[in-house]
Amino acid sequence: MRAVIDPNLIVAVVSPLPYSEQATQKITAWERAGAELLAPVLLEYAIAAILRKAVVARWLTIDLSAEALGEILAPNVRCMT
């Protein structure tokens, strides 16, 4: 099974966002099912935009955003080409 992960879910797993719990549950369920996790080719750009919006909305501080970015690019998510 393959699952294409929206970048918002990836950000929510490592950041305290309003939908973090639901995102974590969904990705955990896919991993337990043995799904191959895929992400859009422009994942890094999408994540940067999401983190910027979260900082502007004051859901995250700049420091938390930088920390999240460092954790996000996980080796078990493969970008589609």
Protein backbone atom coordinates (compact mmCIF):
# COMPACT_ATOMS: atom_id res chain seq x y z
CA MET A 1 0.00 0.00 0.00
CA ARG A 2 1.14 3.53 -0.73
CA ALA A 3 0.04 6.71 1.01
CA VAL A 4 0.74 10.18 -0.34
CA ILE A 5 1.17 12.46 2.64
CA ASP A 6 0.09 16.07 2.50
CA PRO A 7 2.92 18.30 3.78
CA ASN A 8 0.53 19.76 6.38
CA LEU A 9 0.38 16.35 8.07
CA ILE A 10 4.16 16.12 8.24
CA VAL A 11 4.44 19.56 9.82
CA ALA A 12 1.68 18.75 12.31
CA VAL A 13 3.46 15.62 13.54
CA VAL A 14 6.48 17.60 14.75
CA SER A 15 4.76 20.88 15.67
CA PRO A 16 2.02 21.77 18.14
CA LEU A 17 -0.72 22.67 15.67
CA PRO A 18 -4.50 22.43 16.18
CA TYR A 19 -4.64 19.19 14.14
CA SER A 20 -1.41 17.56 15.37
CA GLU A 21 -3.10 14.70 17.22
CA GLN A 22 -5.18 13.68 14.20
CA ALA A 23 -2.18 13.90 11.87
CA THR A 24 -0.05 11.76 14.16
CA GLN A 25 -2.78 9.13 14.44
CA LYS A 26 -3.20 8.93 10.66
CA ILE A 27 0.50 8.64 9.86
CA THR A 28 0.98 6.10 12.66
CA ALA A 29 -1.87 4.00 11.25
CA TRP A 30 -0.28 4.05 7.79
CA GLU A 31 3.11 3.06 9.21
CA ARG A 32 1.57 0.17 11.18
CA ALA A 33 -0.15 -1.01 8.02
CA GLY A 34 3.24 -1.10 6.30
CA ALA A 35 2.38 1.65 3.84
CA GLU A 36 5.08 3.20 1.70
CA LEU A 37 4.90 6.89 2.60
CA LEU A 38 5.23 9.24 -0.35
CA ALA A 39 5.34 13.03 -0.50
CA PRO A 40 5.12 15.62 -3.29
CA VAL A 41 8.36 16.45 -5.10
CA LEU A 42 8.26 20.02 -3.80
CA LEU A 43 7.92 18.86 -0.20
CA GLU A 44 10.61 21.15 1.19
CA TYR A 45 9.04 24.26 -0.35
CA ALA A 46 5.56 23.32 0.86
CA ILE A 47 6.86 22.72 4.38
CA ALA A 48 8.61 26.08 4.45
CA ALA A 49 5.37 27.80 3.39
CA ILE A 50 3.32 25.93 6.01
CA LEU A 51 5.78 26.76 8.78
CA ARG A 52 5.81 30.42 7.75
CA LYS A 53 2.00 30.54 7.87
CA ALA A 54 2.05 28.89 11.31
CA VAL A 55 4.46 31.55 12.59
CA VAL A 56 2.37 34.38 11.13
CA ALA A 57 -0.77 32.84 12.70
CA ARG A 58 1.16 32.63 15.99
CA TRP A 59 0.65 28.89 16.27
CA LEU A 60 4.44 28.51 16.36
CA THR A 61 7.35 30.68 17.35
CA ILE A 62 10.24 31.14 14.95
CA ASP A 63 12.36 28.89 17.19
CA LEU A 64 9.76 26.09 17.19
CA SER A 65 9.42 26.46 13.44
CA ALA A 66 13.16 26.09 12.93
CA GLU A 67 13.23 23.07 15.25
CA ALA A 68 10.34 21.46 13.36
CA LEU A 69 12.07 22.00 10.04
CA GLY A 70 15.12 20.17 11.38
CA GLU A 71 12.97 17.15 12.30
CA ILE A 72 10.70 17.02 9.29
CA LEU A 73 12.79 15.67 6.47
CA ALA A 74 12.44 12.10 7.65
CA PRO A 75 14.16 9.29 5.77
CA ASN A 76 11.01 7.14 5.75
CA VAL A 77 9.12 9.56 3.47
CA ARG A 78 10.11 9.35 -0.18
CA CYS A 79 9.43 12.20 -2.57
CA MET A 80 7.61 11.19 -5.75
CA THR A 81 9.27 11.94 -9.06
